[in-house]
């Protein structure tokens, strides 16, 4: 199994890196357990719901708002720009919800 050291912006993934670097020899691998959980019929049903949750956000940002590329370079700047796009999306949802009331 490949050992991975995560630094910088990926430091929040410490638990995942711990799973990769220190697999237990006496217990089943947690990654394999999660794969089996997702492969089960209830897990597939829940995971399929992700398409209804995540994909519309990308469609709205890319197609309806015509934001289909990043204008900045380097990952930290692109992360900030993506968060701004997500904020615009959420503000639009709040605005639409306010009109209905």
PDB file of N, CA and C in Angstrom:
ATOM      1  N   UNK A   1       0.846  -1.172   0.000  1.00  0.00           N
ATOM      2  CA  UNK A   1       0.000   0.000   0.000  1.00  0.00           C
ATOM      3  C   UNK A   1       0.892   1.235   0.000  1.00  0.00           C
ATOM      4  N   UNK A   2       0.577   2.209  -0.823  1.00  0.00           N
ATOM      5  CA  UNK A   2       1.386   3.412  -0.974  1.00  0.00           C
ATOM      6  C   UNK A   2       1.212   4.323   0.236  1.00  0.00           C
ATOM      7  N   UNK A   3       2.321   4.793   0.761  1.00  0.00           N
ATOM      8  CA  UNK A   3       2.267   5.730   1.878  1.00  0.00           C
ATOM      9  C   UNK A   3       2.171   7.142   1.326  1.00  0.00           C
ATOM     10  N   UNK A   4       1.283   7.943   1.916  1.00  0.00           N
ATOM     11  CA  UNK A   4       1.060   9.297   1.444  1.00  0.00           C
ATOM     12  C   UNK A   4       1.166  10.264   2.611  1.00  0.00           C
ATOM     13  N   UNK A   5       1.880  11.346   2.409  1.00  0.00           N
ATOM     14  CA  UNK A   5       1.954  12.403   3.412  1.00  0.00           C
ATOM     15  C   UNK A   5       1.246  13.613   2.824  1.00  0.00           C
ATOM     16  N   UNK A   6       0.218  14.070   3.519  1.00  0.00           N
ATOM     17  CA  UNK A   6      -0.568  15.202   3.034  1.00  0.00           C
ATOM     18  C   UNK A   6      -0.157  16.457   3.789  1.00  0.00           C
ATOM     19  N   UNK A   7       0.095  17.521   3.043  1.00  0.00           N
ATOM     20  CA  UNK A   7       0.513  18.779   3.654  1.00  0.00           C
ATOM     21  C   UNK A   7      -0.312  19.927   3.098  1.00  0.00           C
ATOM     22  N   UNK A   8      -0.169  21.078   3.717  1.00  0.00           N
ATOM     23  CA  UNK A   8      -0.805  22.294   3.218  1.00  0.00           C
ATOM     24  C   UNK A   8      -2.313  22.213   3.294  1.00  0.00           C
ATOM     25  N   UNK A   9      -2.968  22.492   2.165  1.00  0.00           N
ATOM     26  CA  UNK A   9      -4.427  22.533   2.139  1.00  0.00           C
ATOM     27  C   UNK A   9      -5.042  21.164   2.385  1.00  0.00           C
ATOM     28  N   UNK A  10      -4.251  20.089   2.198  1.00  0.00           N
ATOM     29  CA  UNK A  10      -4.775  18.742   2.395  1.00  0.00           C
ATOM     30  C   UNK A  10      -4.573  18.254   3.827  1.00  0.00           C
ATOM     31  N   UNK A  11      -4.088  19.116   4.701  1.00  0.00           N
ATOM     32  CA  UNK A  11      -3.835  18.707   6.075  1.00  0.00           C
ATOM     33  C   UNK A  11      -5.124  18.313   6.780  1.00  0.00           C
ATOM     34  N   UNK A  12      -6.262  18.827   6.344  1.00  0.00           N
ATOM     35  CA  UNK A  12      -7.538  18.458   6.940  1.00  0.00           C
ATOM     36  C   UNK A  12      -7.916  17.022   6.662  1.00  0.00           C
ATOM     37  N   UNK A  13      -7.221  16.410   5.733  1.00  0.00           N
ATOM     38  CA  UNK A  13      -7.492  15.018   5.406  1.00  0.00           C
ATOM     39  C   UNK A  13      -6.609  14.091   6.227  1.00  0.00           C
ATOM     40  N   UNK A  14      -6.266  14.510   7.452  1.00  0.00           N
ATOM     41  CA  UNK A  14      -5.371  13.718   8.285  1.00  0.00           C
ATOM     42  C   UNK A  14      -5.925  12.327   8.521  1.00  0.00           C
ATOM     43  N   UNK A  15      -7.215  12.220   8.808  1.00  0.00           N
ATOM     44  CA  UNK A  15      -7.794  10.913   9.109  1.00  0.00           C
ATOM     45  C   UNK A  15      -7.653   9.985   7.916  1.00  0.00           C
ATOM     46  N   UNK A  16      -7.915  10.500   6.707  1.00  0.00           N
ATOM     47  CA  UNK A  16      -7.784   9.677   5.513  1.00  0.00           C
ATOM     48  C   UNK A  16      -6.330   9.259   5.319  1.00  0.00           C
ATOM     49  N   UNK A  17      -5.390  10.190   5.537  1.00  0.00           N
ATOM     50  CA  UNK A  17      -3.982   9.837   5.383  1.00  0.00           C
ATOM     51  C   UNK A  17      -3.579   8.811   6.434  1.00  0.00           C
ATOM     52  N   UNK A  18      -4.188   8.877   7.624  1.00  0.00           N
ATOM     53  CA  UNK A  18      -3.920   7.889   8.661  1.00  0.00           C
ATOM     54  C   UNK A  18      -4.372   6.514   8.202  1.00  0.00           C
ATOM     55  N   UNK A  19      -5.519   6.445   7.527  1.00  0.00           N
ATOM     56  CA  UNK A  19      -6.000   5.163   7.024  1.00  0.00           C
ATOM     57  C   UNK A  19      -5.027   4.571   6.014  1.00  0.00           C
ATOM     58  N   UNK A  20      -4.434   5.412   5.195  1.00  0.00           N
ATOM     59  CA  UNK A  20      -3.512   4.925   4.170  1.00  0.00           C
ATOM     60  C   UNK A  20      -2.183   4.516   4.793  1.00  0.00           C
ATOM     61  N   UNK A  21      -1.682   5.311   5.725  1.00  0.00           N
ATOM     62  CA  UNK A  21      -0.341   5.064   6.247  1.00  0.00           C
ATOM     63  C   UNK A  21      -0.294   3.970   7.299  1.00  0.00           C
ATOM     64  N   UNK A  22      -1.383   3.777   8.060  1.00  0.00           N
ATOM     65  CA  UNK A  22      -1.350   2.818   9.154  1.00  0.00           C
ATOM     66  C   UNK A  22      -2.502   1.825   9.075  1.00  0.00           C
ATOM     67  N   UNK A  23      -2.546   0.988   8.043  1.00  0.00           N
ATOM     68  CA  UNK A  23      -3.614  -0.006   8.003  1.00  0.00           C
ATOM     69  C   UNK A  23      -3.378  -1.064   9.077  1.00  0.00           C
ATOM     70  N   UNK A  24      -4.428  -1.468   9.714  1.00  0.00           N
ATOM     71  CA  UNK A  24      -4.323  -2.473  10.760  1.00  0.00           C
ATOM     72  C   UNK A  24      -4.208  -3.850  10.128  1.00  0.00           C
ATOM     73  N   UNK A  25      -3.329  -4.656  10.670  1.00  0.00           N
ATOM     74  CA  UNK A  25      -3.141  -6.001  10.136  1.00  0.00           C
ATOM     75  C   UNK A  25      -4.171  -6.974  10.694  1.00  0.00           C
ATOM     76  N   UNK A  26      -4.716  -6.678  11.875  1.00  0.00           N
ATOM     77  CA  UNK A  26      -5.645  -7.601  12.524  1.00  0.00           C
ATOM     78  C   UNK A  26      -7.103  -7.332  12.177  1.00  0.00           C
ATOM     79  N   UNK A  27      -7.408  -6.143  11.686  1.00  0.00           N
ATOM     80  CA  UNK A  27      -8.786  -5.782  11.395  1.00  0.00           C
ATOM     81  C   UNK A  27      -8.956  -5.572   9.897  1.00  0.00           C
ATOM     82  N   UNK A  28     -10.195  -5.715   9.410  1.00  0.00           N
ATOM     83  CA  UNK A  28     -10.407  -5.437   7.987  1.00  0.00           C
ATOM     84  C   UNK A  28     -10.125  -3.964   7.689  1.00  0.00           C
ATOM     85  N   UNK A  29      -9.675  -3.714   6.500  1.00  0.00           N
ATOM     86  CA  UNK A  29      -9.348  -2.362   6.070  1.00  0.00           C
ATOM     87  C   UNK A  29     -10.620  -1.509   6.037  1.00  0.00           C
ATOM     88  N   UNK A  30     -10.576  -0.316   6.603  1.00  0.00           N
ATOM     89  CA  UNK A  30     -11.751   0.553   6.653  1.00  0.00           C
ATOM     90  C   UNK A  30     -12.170   1.021   5.265  1.00  0.00           C
ATOM     91  N   UNK A  31     -11.200   1.195   4.362  1.00  0.00           N
ATOM     92  CA  UNK A  31     -11.545   1.582   2.995  1.00  0.00           C
ATOM     93  C   UNK A  31     -12.348   0.489   2.312  1.00  0.00           C
ATOM     94  N   UNK A  32     -11.944  -0.762   2.510  1.00  0.00           N
ATOM     95  CA  UNK A  32     -12.692  -1.880   1.929  1.00  0.00           C
ATOM     96  C   UNK A  32     -14.090  -1.975   2.535  1.00  0.00           C
ATOM     97  N   UNK A  33     -14.196  -1.692   3.835  1.00  0.00           N
ATOM     98  CA  UNK A  33     -15.510  -1.717   4.482  1.00  0.00           C
ATOM     99  C   UNK A  33     -16.423  -0.642   3.890  1.00  0.00           C
ATOM    100  N   UNK A  34     -15.868   0.547   3.616  1.00  0.00           N
ATOM    101  CA  UNK A  34     -16.676   1.613   3.027  1.00  0.00           C
ATOM    102  C   UNK A  34     -17.066   1.273   1.599  1.00  0.00           C
ATOM    103  N   UNK A  35     -16.157   0.656   0.843  1.00  0.00           N
ATOM    104  CA  UNK A  35     -16.493   0.231  -0.517  1.00  0.00           C
ATOM    105  C   UNK A  35     -17.638  -0.773  -0.498  1.00  0.00           C
ATOM    106  N   UNK A  36     -17.597  -1.713   0.452  1.00  0.00           N
ATOM    107  CA  UNK A  36     -18.674  -2.700   0.563  1.00  0.00           C
ATOM    108  C   UNK A  36     -19.983  -2.028   0.964  1.00  0.00           C
ATOM    109  N   UNK A  37     -19.898  -1.033   1.832  1.00  0.00           N
ATOM    110  CA  UNK A  37     -21.099  -0.319   2.270  1.00  0.00           C
ATOM    111  C   UNK A  37     -21.741   0.426   1.104  1.00  0.00           C
ATOM    112  N   UNK A  38     -20.923   1.060   0.268  1.00  0.00           N
ATOM    113  CA  UNK A  38     -21.455   1.782  -0.889  1.00  0.00           C
ATOM    114  C   UNK A  38     -21.987   0.815  -1.936  1.00  0.00           C
ATOM    115  N   UNK A  39     -21.384  -0.376  -2.037  1.00  0.00           N
ATOM    116  CA  UNK A  39     -21.812  -1.360  -3.034  1.00  0.00           C
ATOM    117  C   UNK A  39     -23.113  -2.059  -2.648  1.00  0.00           C
ATOM    118  N   UNK A  40     -23.524  -1.962  -1.385  1.00  0.00           N
ATOM    119  CA  UNK A  40     -24.771  -2.608  -0.967  1.00  0.00           C
ATOM    120  C   UNK A  40     -25.967  -1.871  -1.573  1.00  0.00           C
ATOM    121  N   UNK A  41     -27.123  -2.535  -1.712  1.00  0.00           N
ATOM    122  CA  UNK A  41     -28.296  -1.863  -2.305  1.00  0.00           C
ATOM    123  C   UNK A  41     -28.700  -0.560  -1.600  1.00  0.00           C
ATOM    124  N   UNK A  42     -28.771  -0.522  -0.252  1.00  0.00           N
ATOM    125  CA  UNK A  42     -29.107   0.772   0.366  1.00  0.00           C
ATOM    126  C   UNK A  42     -28.020   1.823   0.136  1.00  0.00           C
ATOM    127  N   UNK A  43     -26.758   1.386   0.133  1.00  0.00           N
ATOM    128  CA  UNK A  43     -25.658   2.320  -0.102  1.00  0.00           C
ATOM    129  C   UNK A  43     -25.694   2.892  -1.503  1.00  0.00           C
ATOM    130  N   UNK A  44     -26.025   2.046  -2.490  1.00  0.00           N
ATOM    131  CA  UNK A  44     -26.134   2.534  -3.868  1.00  0.00           C
ATOM    132  C   UNK A  44     -27.257   3.544  -3.996  1.00  0.00           C
ATOM    133  N   UNK A  45     -28.353   3.300  -3.285  1.00  0.00           N
ATOM    134  CA  UNK A  45     -29.495   4.222  -3.348  1.00  0.00           C
ATOM    135  C   UNK A  45     -29.115   5.591  -2.768  1.00  0.00           C
ATOM    136  N   UNK A  46     -28.416   5.573  -1.647  1.00  0.00           N
ATOM    137  CA  UNK A  46     -27.992   6.827  -1.026  1.00  0.00           C
ATOM    138  C   UNK A  46     -26.964   7.537  -1.902  1.00  0.00           C
ATOM    139  N   UNK A  47     -26.002   6.782  -2.441  1.00  0.00           N
ATOM    140  CA  UNK A  47     -24.952   7.379  -3.263  1.00  0.00           C
ATOM    141  C   UNK A  47     -25.515   7.930  -4.569  1.00  0.00           C
ATOM    142  N   UNK A  48     -26.549   7.287  -5.103  1.00  0.00           N
ATOM    143  CA  UNK A  48     -27.178   7.783  -6.330  1.00  0.00           C
ATOM    144  C   UNK A  48     -27.837   9.139  -6.089  1.00  0.00           C
ATOM    145  N   UNK A  49     -28.279   9.392  -4.865  1.00  0.00           N
ATOM    146  CA  UNK A  49     -28.869  10.681  -4.532  1.00  0.00           C
ATOM    147  C   UNK A  49     -27.881  11.824  -4.643  1.00  0.00           C
ATOM    148  N   UNK A  50     -26.588  11.504  -4.656  1.00  0.00           N
ATOM    149  CA  UNK A  50     -25.558  12.534  -4.791  1.00  0.00           C
ATOM    150  C   UNK A  50     -25.707  13.277  -6.108  1.00  0.00           C
ATOM    151  N   UNK A  51     -26.125  12.590  -7.145  1.00  0.00           N
ATOM    152  CA  UNK A  51     -26.315  13.252  -8.433  1.00  0.00           C
ATOM    153  C   UNK A  51     -27.383  14.328  -8.340  1.00  0.00           C
ATOM    154  N   UNK A  52     -28.378  14.091  -7.511  1.00  0.00           N
ATOM    155  CA  UNK A  52     -29.431  15.093  -7.358  1.00  0.00           C
ATOM    156  C   UNK A  52     -28.989  16.236  -6.462  1.00  0.00           C
ATOM    157  N   UNK A  53     -27.963  16.023  -5.670  1.00  0.00           N
ATOM    158  CA  UNK A  53     -27.529  17.042  -4.721  1.00  0.00           C
ATOM    159  C   UNK A  53     -26.404  17.903  -5.290  1.00  0.00           C
ATOM    160  N   UNK A  54     -25.391  17.284  -5.895  1.00  0.00           N
ATOM    161  CA  UNK A  54     -24.191  18.005  -6.309  1.00  0.00           C
ATOM    162  C   UNK A  54     -24.268  18.501  -7.742  1.00  0.00           C
ATOM    163  N   UNK A  55     -24.706  17.674  -8.658  1.00  0.00           N
ATOM    164  CA  UNK A  55     -24.647  18.022 -10.075  1.00  0.00           C
ATOM    165  C   UNK A  55     -25.446  19.277 -10.444  1.00  0.00           C
ATOM    166  N   UNK A  56     -26.619  19.535  -9.875  1.00  0.00           N
ATOM    167  CA  UNK A  56     -27.335  20.766 -10.232  1.00  0.00           C
ATOM    168  C   UNK A  56     -26.556  22.037  -9.899  1.00  0.00           C
ATOM    169  N   UNK A  57     -25.734  21.983  -8.863  1.00  0.00           N
ATOM    170  CA  UNK A  57     -24.927  23.154  -8.512  1.00  0.00           C
ATOM    171  C   UNK A  57     -23.947  23.464  -9.640  1.00  0.00           C
ATOM    172  N   UNK A  58     -23.251  22.439 -10.132  1.00  0.00           N
ATOM    173  CA  UNK A  58     -22.310  22.647 -11.230  1.00  0.00           C
ATOM    174  C   UNK A  58     -23.037  23.095 -12.489  1.00  0.00           C
ATOM    175  N   UNK A  59     -24.192  22.520 -12.750  1.00  0.00           N
ATOM    176  CA  UNK A  59     -24.951  22.905 -13.944  1.00  0.00           C
ATOM    177  C   UNK A  59     -25.378  24.365 -13.861  1.00  0.00           C
ATOM    178  N   UNK A  60     -25.853  24.792 -12.703  1.00  0.00           N
ATOM    179  CA  UNK A  60     -26.296  26.174 -12.537  1.00  0.00           C
ATOM    180  C   UNK A  60     -25.128  27.140 -12.690  1.00  0.00           C
ATOM    181  N   UNK A  61     -24.005  26.812 -12.059  1.00  0.00           N
ATOM    182  CA  UNK A  61     -22.850  27.704 -12.126  1.00  0.00           C
ATOM    183  C   UNK A  61     -22.296  27.768 -13.544  1.00  0.00           C
ATOM    184  N   UNK A  62     -22.187  26.629 -14.206  1.00  0.00           N
ATOM    185  CA  UNK A  62     -21.560  26.600 -15.540  1.00  0.00           C
ATOM    186  C   UNK A  62     -22.507  27.058 -16.639  1.00  0.00           C
ATOM    187  N   UNK A  63     -23.717  26.544 -16.649  1.00  0.00           N
ATOM    188  CA  UNK A  63     -24.609  26.789 -17.784  1.00  0.00           C
ATOM    189  C   UNK A  63     -25.414  28.070 -17.620  1.00  0.00           C
ATOM    190  N   UNK A  64     -26.113  28.215 -16.509  1.00  0.00           N
ATOM    191  CA  UNK A  64     -27.017  29.353 -16.338  1.00  0.00           C
ATOM    192  C   UNK A  64     -26.284  30.654 -16.019  1.00  0.00           C
ATOM    193  N   UNK A  65     -25.210  30.569 -15.252  1.00  0.00           N
ATOM    194  CA  UNK A  65     -24.465  31.778 -14.896  1.00  0.00           C
ATOM    195  C   UNK A  65     -23.285  32.015 -15.840  1.00  0.00           C
ATOM    196  N   UNK A  66     -23.055  31.113 -16.773  1.00  0.00           N
ATOM    197  CA  UNK A  66     -21.992  31.232 -17.784  1.00  0.00           C
ATOM    198  C   UNK A  66     -20.606  31.385 -17.157  1.00  0.00           C
ATOM    199  N   UNK A  67     -20.387  30.703 -16.050  1.00  0.00           N
ATOM    200  CA  UNK A  67     -19.074  30.712 -15.401  1.00  0.00           C
ATOM    201  C   UNK A  67     -18.458  29.347 -15.677  1.00  0.00           C
ATOM    202  N   UNK A  68     -17.702  29.261 -16.763  1.00  0.00           N
ATOM    203  CA  UNK A  68     -17.192  27.952 -17.152  1.00  0.00           C
ATOM    204  C   UNK A  68     -15.673  27.863 -17.122  1.00  0.00           C
ATOM    205  N   UNK A  69     -15.015  28.873 -16.563  1.00  0.00           N
ATOM    206  CA  UNK A  69     -13.561  28.789 -16.427  1.00  0.00           C
ATOM    207  C   UNK A  69     -13.110  29.684 -15.280  1.00  0.00           C
ATOM    208  N   UNK A  70     -11.938  29.382 -14.774  1.00  0.00           N
ATOM    209  CA  UNK A  70     -11.360  30.193 -13.721  1.00  0.00           C
ATOM    210  C   UNK A  70     -10.445  31.232 -14.353  1.00  0.00           C
ATOM    211  N   UNK A  71     -10.477  32.438 -13.829  1.00  0.00           N
ATOM    212  CA  UNK A  71      -9.658  33.510 -14.386  1.00  0.00           C
ATOM    213  C   UNK A  71      -8.351  33.683 -13.629  1.00  0.00           C
ATOM    214  N   UNK A  72      -8.205  33.013 -12.504  1.00  0.00           N
ATOM    215  CA  UNK A  72      -6.992  33.124 -11.696  1.00  0.00           C
ATOM    216  C   UNK A  72      -6.151  31.858 -11.832  1.00  0.00           C
ATOM    217  N   UNK A  73      -4.893  31.960 -11.439  1.00  0.00           N
ATOM    218  CA  UNK A  73      -3.999  30.809 -11.466  1.00  0.00           C
ATOM    219  C   UNK A  73      -3.550  30.478 -10.056  1.00  0.00           C
ATOM    220  N   UNK A  74      -3.050  29.320  -9.875  1.00  0.00           N
ATOM    221  CA  UNK A  74      -2.617  28.683  -8.623  1.00  0.00           C
ATOM    222  C   UNK A  74      -3.837  28.192  -7.847  1.00  0.00           C
ATOM    223  N   UNK A  75      -3.657  27.062  -7.214  1.00  0.00           N
ATOM    224  CA  UNK A  75      -4.768  26.400  -6.543  1.00  0.00           C
ATOM    225  C   UNK A  75      -5.395  27.234  -5.422  1.00  0.00           C
ATOM    226  N   UNK A  76      -4.622  27.910  -4.567  1.00  0.00           N
ATOM    227  CA  UNK A  76      -5.278  28.721  -3.525  1.00  0.00           C
ATOM    228  C   UNK A  76      -6.202  29.797  -4.100  1.00  0.00           C
ATOM    229  N   UNK A  77      -5.777  30.448  -5.179  1.00  0.00           N
ATOM    230  CA  UNK A  77      -6.616  31.484  -5.786  1.00  0.00           C
ATOM    231  C   UNK A  77      -7.854  30.882  -6.439  1.00  0.00           C
ATOM    232  N   UNK A  78      -7.682  29.727  -7.078  1.00  0.00           N
ATOM    233  CA  UNK A  78      -8.828  29.059  -7.703  1.00  0.00           C
ATOM    234  C   UNK A  78      -9.809  28.596  -6.635  1.00  0.00           C
ATOM    235  N   UNK A  79      -9.300  28.121  -5.491  1.00  0.00           N
ATOM    236  CA  UNK A  79     -10.187  27.726  -4.393  1.00  0.00           C
ATOM    237  C   UNK A  79     -11.036  28.902  -3.922  1.00  0.00           C
ATOM    238  N   UNK A  80     -10.420  30.066  -3.782  1.00  0.00           N
ATOM    239  CA  UNK A  80     -11.170  31.261  -3.370  1.00  0.00           C
ATOM    240  C   UNK A  80     -12.205  31.622  -4.427  1.00  0.00           C
ATOM    241  N   UNK A  81     -11.804  31.564  -5.690  1.00  0.00           N
ATOM    242  CA  UNK A  81     -12.736  31.906  -6.766  1.00  0.00           C
ATOM    243  C   UNK A  81     -13.903  30.919  -6.796  1.00  0.00           C
ATOM    244  N   UNK A  82     -13.632  29.625  -6.600  1.00  0.00           N
ATOM    245  CA  UNK A  82     -14.712  28.637  -6.594  1.00  0.00           C
ATOM    246  C   UNK A  82     -15.668  28.891  -5.435  1.00  0.00           C
ATOM    247  N   UNK A  83     -15.129  29.255  -4.276  1.00  0.00           N
ATOM    248  CA  UNK A  83     -15.998  29.546  -3.127  1.00  0.00           C
ATOM    249  C   UNK A  83     -16.874  30.766  -3.398  1.00  0.00           C
ATOM    250  N   UNK A  84     -16.332  31.748  -4.101  1.00  0.00           N
ATOM    251  CA  UNK A  84     -17.145  32.910  -4.480  1.00  0.00           C
ATOM    252  C   UNK A  84     -18.267  32.498  -5.426  1.00  0.00           C
ATOM    253  N   UNK A  85     -17.959  31.617  -6.386  1.00  0.00           N
ATOM    254  CA  UNK A  85     -19.001  31.119  -7.291  1.00  0.00           C
ATOM    255  C   UNK A  85     -20.080  30.387  -6.501  1.00  0.00           C
ATOM    256  N   UNK A  86     -19.662  29.574  -5.537  1.00  0.00           N
ATOM    257  CA  UNK A  86     -20.631  28.842  -4.717  1.00  0.00           C
ATOM    258  C   UNK A  86     -21.475  29.805  -3.887  1.00  0.00           C
ATOM    259  N   UNK A  87     -20.858  30.884  -3.393  1.00  0.00           N
ATOM    260  CA  UNK A  87     -21.624  31.880  -2.643  1.00  0.00           C
ATOM    261  C   UNK A  87     -22.657  32.556  -3.533  1.00  0.00           C
ATOM    262  N   UNK A  88     -22.285  32.871  -4.766  1.00  0.00           N
ATOM    263  CA  UNK A  88     -23.238  33.465  -5.711  1.00  0.00           C
ATOM    264  C   UNK A  88     -24.403  32.507  -5.937  1.00  0.00           C
ATOM    265  N   UNK A  89     -24.098  31.233  -6.084  1.00  0.00           N
ATOM    266  CA  UNK A  89     -25.150  30.226  -6.276  1.00  0.00           C
ATOM    267  C   UNK A  89     -26.092  30.196  -5.069  1.00  0.00           C
ATOM    268  N   UNK A  90     -25.515  30.184  -3.859  1.00  0.00           N
ATOM    269  CA  UNK A  90     -26.338  30.121  -2.647  1.00  0.00           C
ATOM    270  C   UNK A  90     -27.147  31.396  -2.443  1.00  0.00           C
ATOM    271  N   UNK A  91     -26.577  32.546  -2.761  1.00  0.00           N
ATOM    272  CA  UNK A  91     -27.329  33.804  -2.653  1.00  0.00           C
ATOM    273  C   UNK A  91     -28.501  33.790  -3.625  1.00  0.00           C
ATOM    274  N   UNK A  92     -28.287  33.251  -4.816  1.00  0.00           N
ATOM    275  CA  UNK A  92     -29.390  33.117  -5.778  1.00  0.00           C
ATOM    276  C   UNK A  92     -30.497  32.221  -5.259  1.00  0.00           C
ATOM    277  N   UNK A  93     -30.118  31.135  -4.569  1.00  0.00           N
ATOM    278  CA  UNK A  93     -31.135  30.250  -3.989  1.00  0.00           C
ATOM    279  C   UNK A  93     -31.914  30.963  -2.892  1.00  0.00           C
ATOM    280  N   UNK A  94     -31.206  31.733  -2.055  1.00  0.00           N
ATOM    281  CA  UNK A  94     -31.878  32.479  -0.988  1.00  0.00           C
ATOM    282  C   UNK A  94     -32.811  33.526  -1.588  1.00  0.00           C
ATOM    283  N   UNK A  95     -32.375  34.193  -2.628  1.00  0.00           N
ATOM    284  CA  UNK A  95     -33.193  35.206  -3.292  1.00  0.00           C
ATOM    285  C   UNK A  95     -34.452  34.576  -3.889  1.00  0.00           C
ATOM    286  N   UNK A  96     -34.299  33.435  -4.534  1.00  0.00           N
ATOM    287  CA  UNK A  96     -35.457  32.758  -5.130  1.00  0.00           C
ATOM    288  C   UNK A  96     -36.425  32.287  -4.053  1.00  0.00           C
ATOM    289  N   UNK A  97     -35.899  31.827  -2.934  1.00  0.00           N
ATOM    290  CA  UNK A  97     -36.762  31.369  -1.837  1.00  0.00           C
ATOM    291  C   UNK A  97     -37.527  32.549  -1.241  1.00  0.00           C
ATOM    292  N   UNK A  98     -36.891  33.705  -1.139  1.00  0.00           N
ATOM    293  CA  UNK A  98     -37.540  34.890  -0.595  1.00  0.00           C
ATOM    294  C   UNK A  98     -38.673  35.390  -1.469  1.00  0.00           C
ATOM    295  N   UNK A  99     -38.564  35.190  -2.779  1.00  0.00           N
ATOM    296  CA  UNK A  99     -39.622  35.633  -3.691  1.00  0.00           C
ATOM    297  C   UNK A  99     -40.875  34.783  -3.544  1.00  0.00           C
ATOM    298  N   UNK A 100     -40.710  33.536  -3.128  1.00  0.00           N
ATOM    299  CA  UNK A 100     -41.864  32.647  -3.030  1.00  0.00           C
ATOM    300  C   UNK A 100     -42.719  32.955  -1.812  1.00  0.00           C
ATOM    301  N   UNK A 101     -42.131  33.543  -0.783  1.00  0.00           N
ATOM    302  CA  UNK A 101     -42.877  33.794   0.461  1.00  0.00           C
ATOM    303  C   UNK A 101     -43.710  35.021   0.383  1.00  0.00           C
TER     304      UNK A 101
END
